Amino acid sequence: MVLEKDVDCPACGETNAFYRTAATTLHLGEKTKWRCPECGFGYVEINGISTLSA
């Protein structure tokens, strides 16, 4: 279980350590919410598929 990971934050424009704020299991798989501590930007992953824009 990973509690933080480095992600390129689109709001800050730099790589930050995003922190896991929530996780739950759905019929689609595990849903995990991640948040940037610098600006508060957040995104969701379901089974490792991210909602961040490509």
C-alpha atoms as a PDB file:
ATOM      1  CA  MET A   1       0.000   0.000   0.000  1.00  0.00           C
ATOM      2  CA  VAL A   2       1.654   3.182  -1.235  1.00  0.00           C
ATOM      3  CA  LEU A   3       0.823   6.385   0.655  1.00  0.00           C
ATOM      4  CA  GLU A   4       2.667   8.833  -1.593  1.00  0.00           C
ATOM      5  CA  LYS A   5       4.055   8.981  -5.126  1.00  0.00           C
ATOM      6  CA  ASP A   6       5.776  11.518  -7.342  1.00  0.00           C
ATOM      7  CA  VAL A   7       3.481  12.936 -10.029  1.00  0.00           C
ATOM      8  CA  ASP A   8       3.784  15.847 -12.473  1.00  0.00           C
ATOM      9  CA  CYS A   9       1.190  18.264 -11.067  1.00  0.00           C
ATOM     10  CA  PRO A  10      -0.619  20.148 -13.862  1.00  0.00           C
ATOM     11  CA  ALA A  11      -1.602  22.978 -11.488  1.00  0.00           C
ATOM     12  CA  CYS A  12       1.880  23.566  -9.997  1.00  0.00           C
ATOM     13  CA  GLY A  13       3.786  22.758 -13.181  1.00  0.00           C
ATOM     14  CA  GLU A  14       6.376  20.642 -11.370  1.00  0.00           C
ATOM     15  CA  THR A  15       6.782  17.156  -9.892  1.00  0.00           C
ATOM     16  CA  ASN A  16       5.426  16.850  -6.355  1.00  0.00           C
ATOM     17  CA  ALA A  17       4.843  14.008  -3.915  1.00  0.00           C
ATOM     18  CA  PHE A  18       1.079  13.390  -4.075  1.00  0.00           C
ATOM     19  CA  TYR A  19      -0.481  11.862  -0.968  1.00  0.00           C
ATOM     20  CA  ARG A  20      -3.203   9.222  -0.947  1.00  0.00           C
ATOM     21  CA  THR A  21      -6.290  10.706   0.687  1.00  0.00           C
ATOM     22  CA  ALA A  22      -8.774   7.831   0.245  1.00  0.00           C
ATOM     23  CA  ALA A  23      -9.143   4.339  -1.181  1.00  0.00           C
ATOM     24  CA  THR A  24     -12.091   2.006  -1.628  1.00  0.00           C
ATOM     25  CA  THR A  25     -12.963  -1.103  -3.587  1.00  0.00           C
ATOM     26  CA  LEU A  26     -15.630  -0.838  -6.285  1.00  0.00           C
ATOM     27  CA  HIS A  27     -17.005  -3.321  -8.782  1.00  0.00           C
ATOM     28  CA  LEU A  28     -14.506  -1.816 -11.267  1.00  0.00           C
ATOM     29  CA  GLY A  29     -11.546  -2.357  -8.931  1.00  0.00           C
ATOM     30  CA  GLU A  30      -9.719  -0.209  -6.395  1.00  0.00           C
ATOM     31  CA  LYS A  31     -10.489   3.532  -6.491  1.00  0.00           C
ATOM     32  CA  THR A  32      -7.745   5.746  -5.035  1.00  0.00           C
ATOM     33  CA  LYS A  33      -7.781   9.526  -4.554  1.00  0.00           C
ATOM     34  CA  TRP A  34      -4.502  11.480  -4.683  1.00  0.00           C
ATOM     35  CA  ARG A  35      -3.882  15.115  -3.683  1.00  0.00           C
ATOM     36  CA  CYS A  36      -0.993  17.570  -4.137  1.00  0.00           C
ATOM     37  CA  PRO A  37      -0.015  19.109  -0.773  1.00  0.00           C
ATOM     38  CA  GLU A  38       1.319  22.283  -2.446  1.00  0.00           C
ATOM     39  CA  CYS A  39      -1.790  23.430  -4.328  1.00  0.00           C
ATOM     40  CA  GLY A  40      -4.554  20.997  -3.354  1.00  0.00           C
ATOM     41  CA  PHE A  41      -5.011  19.606  -6.886  1.00  0.00           C
ATOM     42  CA  GLY A  42      -6.465  16.114  -6.772  1.00  0.00           C
ATOM     43  CA  TYR A  43      -7.162  13.236  -9.118  1.00  0.00           C
ATOM     44  CA  VAL A  44      -8.578   9.703  -9.008  1.00  0.00           C
ATOM     45  CA  GLU A  45      -7.188   6.356 -10.141  1.00  0.00           C
ATOM     46  CA  ILE A  46      -9.280   3.239 -10.709  1.00  0.00           C
ATOM     47  CA  ASN A  47      -7.219   0.056 -11.053  1.00  0.00           C
ATOM     48  CA  GLY A  48      -4.168   2.204 -11.850  1.00  0.00           C
ATOM     49  CA  ILE A  49      -5.921   4.148 -14.635  1.00  0.00           C
ATOM     50  CA  SER A  50      -5.594   7.852 -13.885  1.00  0.00           C
ATOM     51  CA  THR A  51      -7.982  10.748 -14.514  1.00  0.00           C
ATOM     52  CA  LEU A  52      -5.007  13.055 -15.184  1.00  0.00           C
ATOM     53  CA  SER A  53      -4.974  14.440 -18.707  1.00  0.00           C
ATOM     54  CA  ALA A  54      -2.421  12.881 -21.049  1.00  0.00           C
END
